[in-house]
Amino acid sequence: MTDSTPQDADRKIDNQASGFEAVRTAHQSEMVEDYVELIAELIHERGAARPVEIAERLGVTQPTVSKNLSRLKREGLIEHEPYRSLRLTEAGRQLAEACRKRHRIVVDFLVALGVSRDVAEHDAEGIEHHVSEETLGVFRAFTERESGSL
């Protein structure tokens, strides 16, 4: 028999609701983060990012890319003129850099646990959008401790 109170039950419900809300928020930002990160990568690799390359890399249609680029433009993350390559705004560059760092932390953590680099890169694509700053800090500290002990 447990000694739980109605307040304990309310706390449990509130915690569960906030967890689901966090997941919904992360899902909403995933697309934005994936696009900005990919645009930065294409600019770095090729000197330019074009919608057709984004569609190819993400495995989506051109209309889907166009719709999502419109959202990124509205949110002030990219500059895009018809028939021109994409440019990240300062806000877009900052978001792309934050995403890149978060991705690296997750990959390094998984590799430190013994996951192969290829699998870690793949898995990090999903984890990086859902991990809290607190957890990232623990991942980073663990990885630094592990690399210092080698």
N, C-alpha and C. Protein backbone atom coordinates (compact mmCIF):
# COMPACT_ATOMS: atom_id res chain seq x y z
N MET A 1 0.83 -1.17 0.00
CA MET A 1 0.00 0.00 0.00
C MET A 1 0.88 1.24 0.00
N THR A 2 0.53 2.22 -0.79
CA THR A 2 1.32 3.44 -0.88
C THR A 2 0.67 4.56 -0.11
N ASP A 3 1.46 5.50 0.30
CA ASP A 3 0.98 6.65 1.05
C ASP A 3 0.91 7.88 0.15
N SER A 4 0.53 7.70 -1.10
CA SER A 4 0.49 8.85 -2.00
C SER A 4 -0.75 9.69 -1.72
N THR A 5 -0.58 10.97 -1.97
CA THR A 5 -1.65 11.93 -1.72
C THR A 5 -2.20 12.43 -3.05
N PRO A 6 -3.34 13.09 -3.01
CA PRO A 6 -3.85 13.69 -4.25
C PRO A 6 -2.85 14.67 -4.87
N GLN A 7 -2.07 15.35 -4.02
CA GLN A 7 -1.05 16.28 -4.53
C GLN A 7 0.04 15.52 -5.29
N ASP A 8 0.42 14.33 -4.80
CA ASP A 8 1.41 13.51 -5.50
C ASP A 8 0.89 13.11 -6.88
N ALA A 9 -0.38 12.73 -6.94
CA ALA A 9 -1.00 12.35 -8.22
C ALA A 9 -1.03 13.55 -9.16
N ASP A 10 -1.36 14.73 -8.63
CA ASP A 10 -1.38 15.94 -9.47
C ASP A 10 0.02 16.25 -10.00
N ARG A 11 1.04 16.10 -9.13
CA ARG A 11 2.43 16.35 -9.55
C ARG A 11 2.84 15.39 -10.66
N LYS A 12 2.45 14.12 -10.50
CA LYS A 12 2.78 13.11 -11.51
C LYS A 12 2.13 13.48 -12.85
N ILE A 13 0.88 13.88 -12.81
CA ILE A 13 0.17 14.28 -14.03
C ILE A 13 0.83 15.50 -14.66
N ASP A 14 1.17 16.50 -13.83
CA ASP A 14 1.83 17.71 -14.34
C ASP A 14 3.18 17.37 -14.98
N ASN A 15 3.95 16.49 -14.33
CA ASN A 15 5.25 16.09 -14.88
C ASN A 15 5.08 15.37 -16.21
N GLN A 16 4.10 14.48 -16.28
CA GLN A 16 3.85 13.75 -17.51
C GLN A 16 3.42 14.71 -18.62
N ALA A 17 2.53 15.63 -18.31
CA ALA A 17 2.07 16.60 -19.30
C ALA A 17 3.21 17.47 -19.79
N SER A 18 4.09 17.90 -18.89
CA SER A 18 5.20 18.75 -19.33
C SER A 18 6.18 17.96 -20.18
N GLY A 19 6.32 16.66 -19.89
CA GLY A 19 7.19 15.82 -20.73
C GLY A 19 6.65 15.69 -22.14
N PHE A 20 5.35 15.47 -22.27
CA PHE A 20 4.75 15.37 -23.60
C PHE A 20 4.82 16.71 -24.33
N GLU A 21 4.63 17.80 -23.61
CA GLU A 21 4.72 19.13 -24.22
C GLU A 21 6.13 19.38 -24.75
N ALA A 22 7.14 18.95 -23.99
CA ALA A 22 8.53 19.12 -24.43
C ALA A 22 8.79 18.35 -25.72
N VAL A 23 8.24 17.15 -25.82
CA VAL A 23 8.41 16.35 -27.04
C VAL A 23 7.72 17.03 -28.22
N ARG A 24 6.51 17.53 -28.01
CA ARG A 24 5.81 18.23 -29.10
C ARG A 24 6.59 19.45 -29.56
N THR A 25 7.13 20.20 -28.63
CA THR A 25 7.92 21.39 -28.97
C THR A 25 9.17 20.98 -29.75
N ALA A 26 9.83 19.92 -29.31
CA ALA A 26 11.03 19.45 -30.00
C ALA A 26 10.70 19.02 -31.42
N HIS A 27 9.58 18.33 -31.61
CA HIS A 27 9.18 17.91 -32.95
C HIS A 27 8.94 19.11 -33.85
N GLN A 28 8.35 20.16 -33.31
CA GLN A 28 8.09 21.36 -34.10
C GLN A 28 9.39 22.04 -34.53
N SER A 29 10.40 22.00 -33.70
CA SER A 29 11.66 22.67 -34.04
C SER A 29 12.60 21.80 -34.86
N GLU A 30 12.35 20.49 -34.91
CA GLU A 30 13.23 19.58 -35.65
C GLU A 30 13.42 20.00 -37.10
N MET A 31 12.33 20.27 -37.80
CA MET A 31 12.42 20.63 -39.21
C MET A 31 13.27 21.87 -39.38
N VAL A 32 13.00 22.88 -38.59
CA VAL A 32 13.75 24.14 -38.69
C VAL A 32 15.24 23.87 -38.47
N GLU A 33 15.55 23.14 -37.42
CA GLU A 33 16.94 22.85 -37.10
C GLU A 33 17.61 22.02 -38.19
N ASP A 34 16.92 20.98 -38.69
CA ASP A 34 17.49 20.15 -39.75
C ASP A 34 17.79 20.97 -41.00
N TYR A 35 16.87 21.82 -41.39
CA TYR A 35 17.07 22.64 -42.59
C TYR A 35 18.23 23.62 -42.41
N VAL A 36 18.25 24.32 -41.29
CA VAL A 36 19.30 25.32 -41.07
C VAL A 36 20.66 24.64 -40.99
N GLU A 37 20.73 23.51 -40.31
CA GLU A 37 21.98 22.77 -40.21
C GLU A 37 22.44 22.28 -41.59
N LEU A 38 21.53 21.77 -42.39
CA LEU A 38 21.87 21.30 -43.73
C LEU A 38 22.29 22.45 -44.64
N ILE A 39 21.60 23.57 -44.57
CA ILE A 39 21.97 24.73 -45.39
C ILE A 39 23.40 25.17 -45.04
N ALA A 40 23.71 25.23 -43.76
CA ALA A 40 25.07 25.62 -43.35
C ALA A 40 26.10 24.61 -43.87
N GLU A 41 25.77 23.33 -43.80
CA GLU A 41 26.67 22.29 -44.28
C GLU A 41 26.90 22.41 -45.79
N LEU A 42 25.84 22.63 -46.55
CA LEU A 42 25.97 22.77 -48.00
C LEU A 42 26.79 24.01 -48.37
N ILE A 43 26.56 25.10 -47.67
CA ILE A 43 27.34 26.31 -47.93
C ILE A 43 28.81 26.05 -47.64
N HIS A 44 29.08 25.36 -46.55
CA HIS A 44 30.47 25.04 -46.19
C HIS A 44 31.12 24.12 -47.23
N GLU A 45 30.39 23.08 -47.64
CA GLU A 45 30.93 22.09 -48.58
C GLU A 45 31.03 22.60 -50.01
N ARG A 46 29.99 23.32 -50.47
CA ARG A 46 29.87 23.66 -51.89
C ARG A 46 29.90 25.15 -52.17
N GLY A 47 29.88 25.96 -51.12
CA GLY A 47 29.86 27.40 -51.31
C GLY A 47 28.46 27.96 -51.52
N ALA A 48 27.47 27.09 -51.65
CA ALA A 48 26.09 27.54 -51.87
C ALA A 48 25.14 26.40 -51.49
N ALA A 49 23.92 26.80 -51.16
CA ALA A 49 22.87 25.83 -50.86
C ALA A 49 21.69 26.13 -51.76
N ARG A 50 21.24 25.11 -52.48
CA ARG A 50 20.09 25.28 -53.38
C ARG A 50 18.97 24.36 -52.94
N PRO A 51 17.74 24.77 -53.18
CA PRO A 51 16.59 23.95 -52.78
C PRO A 51 16.64 22.52 -53.33
N VAL A 52 17.10 22.34 -54.56
CA VAL A 52 17.14 21.00 -55.14
C VAL A 52 18.08 20.10 -54.35
N GLU A 53 19.19 20.64 -53.85
CA GLU A 53 20.13 19.85 -53.05
C GLU A 53 19.51 19.49 -51.69
N ILE A 54 18.76 20.42 -51.14
CA ILE A 54 18.11 20.16 -49.86
C ILE A 54 17.10 19.03 -50.03
N ALA A 55 16.31 19.08 -51.09
CA ALA A 55 15.33 18.02 -51.36
C ALA A 55 16.03 16.67 -51.49
N GLU A 56 17.14 16.64 -52.22
CA GLU A 56 17.87 15.38 -52.41
C GLU A 56 18.40 14.85 -51.09
N ARG A 57 19.03 15.70 -50.30
CA ARG A 57 19.64 15.27 -49.04
C ARG A 57 18.61 14.83 -48.01
N LEU A 58 17.47 15.51 -47.98
CA LEU A 58 16.45 15.16 -46.98
C LEU A 58 15.47 14.11 -47.48
N GLY A 59 15.52 13.81 -48.79
CA GLY A 59 14.61 12.82 -49.34
C GLY A 59 13.17 13.28 -49.35
N VAL A 60 12.96 14.57 -49.63
CA VAL A 60 11.62 15.13 -49.69
C VAL A 60 11.42 15.78 -51.06
N THR A 61 10.19 16.18 -51.32
CA THR A 61 9.88 16.78 -52.62
C THR A 61 10.24 18.27 -52.63
N GLN A 62 10.37 18.81 -53.83
CA GLN A 62 10.66 20.24 -53.98
C GLN A 62 9.56 21.10 -53.36
N PRO A 63 8.27 20.78 -53.56
CA PRO A 63 7.23 21.59 -52.91
C PRO A 63 7.35 21.61 -51.38
N THR A 64 7.75 20.48 -50.80
CA THR A 64 7.95 20.43 -49.35
C THR A 64 9.07 21.37 -48.95
N VAL A 65 10.16 21.34 -49.71
CA VAL A 65 11.29 22.23 -49.43
C VAL A 65 10.85 23.69 -49.56
N SER A 66 10.11 24.00 -50.61
CA SER A 66 9.66 25.39 -50.81
C SER A 66 8.81 25.87 -49.64
N LYS A 67 7.89 25.03 -49.19
CA LYS A 67 7.03 25.39 -48.06
C LYS A 67 7.87 25.64 -46.81
N ASN A 68 8.83 24.77 -46.55
CA ASN A 68 9.64 24.91 -45.35
C ASN A 68 10.62 26.08 -45.44
N LEU A 69 11.11 26.36 -46.65
CA LEU A 69 11.98 27.53 -46.82
C LEU A 69 11.20 28.82 -46.58
N SER A 70 9.95 28.84 -46.97
CA SER A 70 9.11 30.00 -46.70
C SER A 70 8.98 30.23 -45.20
N ARG A 71 8.82 29.15 -44.45
CA ARG A 71 8.74 29.26 -42.99
C ARG A 71 10.05 29.81 -42.43
N LEU A 72 11.19 29.28 -42.91
CA LEU A 72 12.49 29.74 -42.42
C LEU A 72 12.69 31.23 -42.72
N LYS A 73 12.23 31.65 -43.89
CA LYS A 73 12.35 33.06 -44.27
C LYS A 73 11.48 33.92 -43.34
N ARG A 74 10.24 33.49 -43.09
CA ARG A 74 9.34 34.21 -42.18
C ARG A 74 9.94 34.33 -40.78
N GLU A 75 10.64 33.29 -40.36
CA GLU A 75 11.23 33.27 -39.03
C GLU A 75 12.57 34.01 -38.97
N GLY A 76 13.01 34.55 -40.12
CA GLY A 76 14.23 35.35 -40.15
C GLY A 76 15.51 34.54 -40.09
N LEU A 77 15.47 33.28 -40.53
CA LEU A 77 16.64 32.42 -40.47
C LEU A 77 17.40 32.33 -41.79
N ILE A 78 16.71 32.62 -42.90
CA ILE A 78 17.36 32.57 -44.21
C ILE A 78 16.94 33.78 -45.04
N GLU A 79 17.76 34.03 -46.05
CA GLU A 79 17.41 34.96 -47.11
C GLU A 79 17.36 34.12 -48.38
N HIS A 80 16.28 34.30 -49.13
CA HIS A 80 16.12 33.47 -50.33
C HIS A 80 15.39 34.27 -51.39
N GLU A 81 16.07 34.48 -52.49
CA GLU A 81 15.48 35.14 -53.65
C GLU A 81 15.26 34.06 -54.71
N PRO A 82 14.21 34.18 -55.50
CA PRO A 82 13.97 33.18 -56.56
C PRO A 82 15.20 33.03 -57.47
N TYR A 83 15.49 31.79 -57.80
CA TYR A 83 16.59 31.41 -58.70
C TYR A 83 17.97 31.77 -58.14
N ARG A 84 18.07 31.95 -56.86
CA ARG A 84 19.35 32.23 -56.20
C ARG A 84 19.58 31.18 -55.11
N SER A 85 20.85 31.05 -54.73
CA SER A 85 21.13 30.13 -53.63
C SER A 85 20.70 30.77 -52.31
N LEU A 86 20.57 29.95 -51.31
CA LEU A 86 20.10 30.38 -50.00
C LEU A 86 21.25 30.97 -49.19
N ARG A 87 20.91 31.90 -48.33
CA ARG A 87 21.88 32.46 -47.39
C ARG A 87 21.26 32.41 -46.01
N LEU A 88 22.08 32.08 -45.03
CA LEU A 88 21.62 32.12 -43.65
C LEU A 88 21.77 33.54 -43.12
N THR A 89 20.79 33.98 -42.35
CA THR A 89 20.92 35.25 -41.64
C THR A 89 21.84 35.00 -40.43
N GLU A 90 22.16 36.03 -39.71
CA GLU A 90 22.96 35.86 -38.49
C GLU A 90 22.25 34.92 -37.52
N ALA A 91 20.94 35.08 -37.37
CA ALA A 91 20.18 34.19 -36.49
C ALA A 91 20.24 32.75 -37.01
N GLY A 92 20.16 32.58 -38.31
CA GLY A 92 20.26 31.25 -38.91
C GLY A 92 21.62 30.63 -38.68
N ARG A 93 22.68 31.43 -38.83
CA ARG A 93 24.04 30.92 -38.59
C ARG A 93 24.22 30.51 -37.13
N GLN A 94 23.68 31.31 -36.22
CA GLN A 94 23.79 30.97 -34.79
C GLN A 94 23.04 29.68 -34.46
N LEU A 95 21.85 29.54 -35.03
CA LEU A 95 21.09 28.31 -34.79
C LEU A 95 21.81 27.10 -35.38
N ALA A 96 22.35 27.25 -36.60
CA ALA A 96 23.07 26.14 -37.23
C ALA A 96 24.29 25.73 -36.40
N GLU A 97 25.00 26.71 -35.87
CA GLU A 97 26.18 26.41 -35.04
C GLU A 97 25.76 25.71 -33.74
N ALA A 98 24.69 26.17 -33.12
CA ALA A 98 24.21 25.52 -31.90
C ALA A 98 23.79 24.08 -32.19
N CYS A 99 23.14 23.85 -33.32
CA CYS A 99 22.72 22.50 -33.71
C CYS A 99 23.93 21.61 -33.96
N ARG A 100 24.92 22.16 -34.64
CA ARG A 100 26.15 21.41 -34.94
C ARG A 100 26.84 20.99 -33.64
N LYS A 101 26.94 21.92 -32.70
CA LYS A 101 27.59 21.61 -31.42
C LYS A 101 26.81 20.54 -30.65
N ARG A 102 25.48 20.69 -30.62
CA ARG A 102 24.65 19.72 -29.92
C ARG A 102 24.82 18.33 -30.55
N HIS A 103 24.83 18.29 -31.88
CA HIS A 103 25.02 17.03 -32.61
C HIS A 103 26.36 16.39 -32.23
N ARG A 104 27.43 17.19 -32.23
CA ARG A 104 28.76 16.68 -31.90
C ARG A 104 28.80 16.11 -30.48
N ILE A 105 28.17 16.81 -29.54
CA ILE A 105 28.16 16.34 -28.15
C ILE A 105 27.48 14.97 -28.07
N VAL A 106 26.34 14.83 -28.73
CA VAL A 106 25.60 13.56 -28.69
C VAL A 106 26.41 12.45 -29.36
N VAL A 107 27.00 12.74 -30.52
CA VAL A 107 27.81 11.73 -31.22
C VAL A 107 28.99 11.31 -30.35
N ASP A 108 29.71 12.29 -29.80
CA ASP A 108 30.88 11.97 -28.97
C ASP A 108 30.50 11.13 -27.77
N PHE A 109 29.36 11.45 -27.16
CA PHE A 109 28.88 10.69 -26.02
C PHE A 109 28.59 9.23 -26.41
N LEU A 110 27.86 9.05 -27.51
CA LEU A 110 27.52 7.70 -27.94
C LEU A 110 28.77 6.89 -28.30
N VAL A 111 29.72 7.54 -28.96
CA VAL A 111 30.97 6.87 -29.31
C VAL A 111 31.73 6.48 -28.03
N ALA A 112 31.75 7.37 -27.03
CA ALA A 112 32.41 7.07 -25.75
C ALA A 112 31.78 5.87 -25.06
N LEU A 113 30.49 5.65 -25.31
CA LEU A 113 29.81 4.49 -24.73
C LEU A 113 30.09 3.20 -25.50
N GLY A 114 30.72 3.33 -26.68
CA GLY A 114 31.04 2.14 -27.47
C GLY A 114 30.22 1.97 -28.73
N VAL A 115 29.37 2.94 -29.05
CA VAL A 115 28.57 2.89 -30.27
C VAL A 115 29.48 3.25 -31.45
N SER A 116 29.35 2.54 -32.56
CA SER A 116 30.18 2.85 -33.72
C SER A 116 29.87 4.26 -34.22
N ARG A 117 30.84 4.91 -34.83
CA ARG A 117 30.68 6.29 -35.29
C ARG A 117 29.51 6.41 -36.26
N ASP A 118 29.38 5.49 -37.21
CA ASP A 118 28.27 5.56 -38.18
C ASP A 118 26.91 5.49 -37.50
N VAL A 119 26.77 4.57 -36.58
CA VAL A 119 25.49 4.44 -35.87
C VAL A 119 25.27 5.65 -34.97
N ALA A 120 26.32 6.13 -34.33
CA ALA A 120 26.20 7.31 -33.47
C ALA A 120 25.75 8.53 -34.27
N GLU A 121 26.31 8.71 -35.46
CA GLU A 121 25.91 9.83 -36.33
C GLU A 121 24.42 9.72 -36.67
N HIS A 122 23.99 8.52 -37.01
CA HIS A 122 22.58 8.29 -37.37
C HIS A 122 21.66 8.54 -36.18
N ASP A 123 21.99 7.95 -35.04
CA ASP A 123 21.15 8.07 -33.86
C ASP A 123 21.10 9.51 -33.34
N ALA A 124 22.20 10.21 -33.46
CA ALA A 124 22.26 11.59 -32.96
C ALA A 124 21.25 12.48 -33.67
N GLU A 125 20.91 12.16 -34.92
CA GLU A 125 19.94 12.96 -35.66
C GLU A 125 18.60 13.05 -34.95
N GLY A 126 18.21 12.02 -34.26
CA GLY A 126 16.96 12.06 -33.53
C GLY A 126 17.13 12.58 -32.11
N ILE A 127 18.18 12.12 -31.45
CA ILE A 127 18.40 12.46 -30.05
C ILE A 127 18.65 13.95 -29.88
N GLU A 128 19.42 14.55 -30.77
CA GLU A 128 19.85 15.94 -30.59
C GLU A 128 18.69 16.92 -30.46
N HIS A 129 17.55 16.60 -31.02
CA HIS A 129 16.40 17.51 -30.97
C HIS A 129 15.61 17.38 -29.67
N HIS A 130 15.83 16.30 -28.94
CA HIS A 130 15.00 16.01 -27.77
C HIS A 130 15.76 16.07 -26.45
N VAL A 131 17.04 16.32 -26.50
CA VAL A 131 17.85 16.28 -25.29
C VAL A 131 17.88 17.67 -24.64
N SER A 132 17.76 17.70 -23.32
CA SER A 132 17.76 18.97 -22.59
C SER A 132 19.19 19.50 -22.46
N GLU A 133 19.28 20.77 -22.11
CA GLU A 133 20.59 21.38 -21.87
C GLU A 133 21.29 20.69 -20.70
N GLU A 134 20.53 20.32 -19.68
CA GLU A 134 21.12 19.63 -18.53
C GLU A 134 21.74 18.30 -18.97
N THR A 135 20.99 17.54 -19.76
CA THR A 135 21.50 16.24 -20.22
C THR A 135 22.71 16.44 -21.13
N LEU A 136 22.66 17.44 -22.00
CA LEU A 136 23.82 17.72 -22.86
C LEU A 136 25.05 18.02 -22.01
N GLY A 137 24.86 18.77 -20.95
CA GLY A 137 25.98 19.08 -20.07
C GLY A 137 26.58 17.83 -19.45
N VAL A 138 25.72 16.90 -19.06
CA VAL A 138 26.20 15.64 -18.49
C VAL A 138 26.91 14.83 -19.57
N PHE A 139 26.34 14.79 -20.78
CA PHE A 139 27.00 14.09 -21.90
C PHE A 139 28.40 14.67 -22.12
N ARG A 140 28.49 16.00 -22.16
CA ARG A 140 29.77 16.67 -22.42
C ARG A 140 30.77 16.35 -21.31
N ALA A 141 30.34 16.45 -20.06
CA ALA A 141 31.23 16.17 -18.93
C ALA A 141 31.71 14.72 -18.96
N PHE A 142 30.81 13.80 -19.25
CA PHE A 142 31.18 12.39 -19.33
C PHE A 142 32.22 12.17 -20.43
N THR A 143 31.97 12.74 -21.58
CA THR A 143 32.88 12.56 -22.71
C THR A 143 34.25 13.15 -22.41
N GLU A 144 34.27 14.34 -21.79
CA GLU A 144 35.55 14.97 -21.43
C GLU A 144 36.31 14.12 -20.41
N ARG A 145 35.57 13.58 -19.42
CA ARG A 145 36.19 12.71 -18.42
C ARG A 145 36.77 11.47 -19.09
N GLU A 146 35.99 10.87 -20.00
CA GLU A 146 36.43 9.64 -20.68
C GLU A 146 37.64 9.91 -21.56
N SER A 147 37.64 11.02 -22.29
CA SER A 147 38.77 11.30 -23.19
C SER A 147 40.00 11.68 -22.40
N GLY A 148 39.83 12.22 -21.19
CA GLY A 148 40.96 12.55 -20.33
C GLY A 148 41.59 11.33 -19.70
N SER A 149 40.81 10.26 -19.59
CA SER A 149 41.33 9.05 -18.95
C SER A 149 41.98 8.10 -19.94
N LEU A 150 41.96 8.45 -21.22
CA LEU A 150 42.56 7.56 -22.22
C LEU A 150 44.05 7.75 -22.33
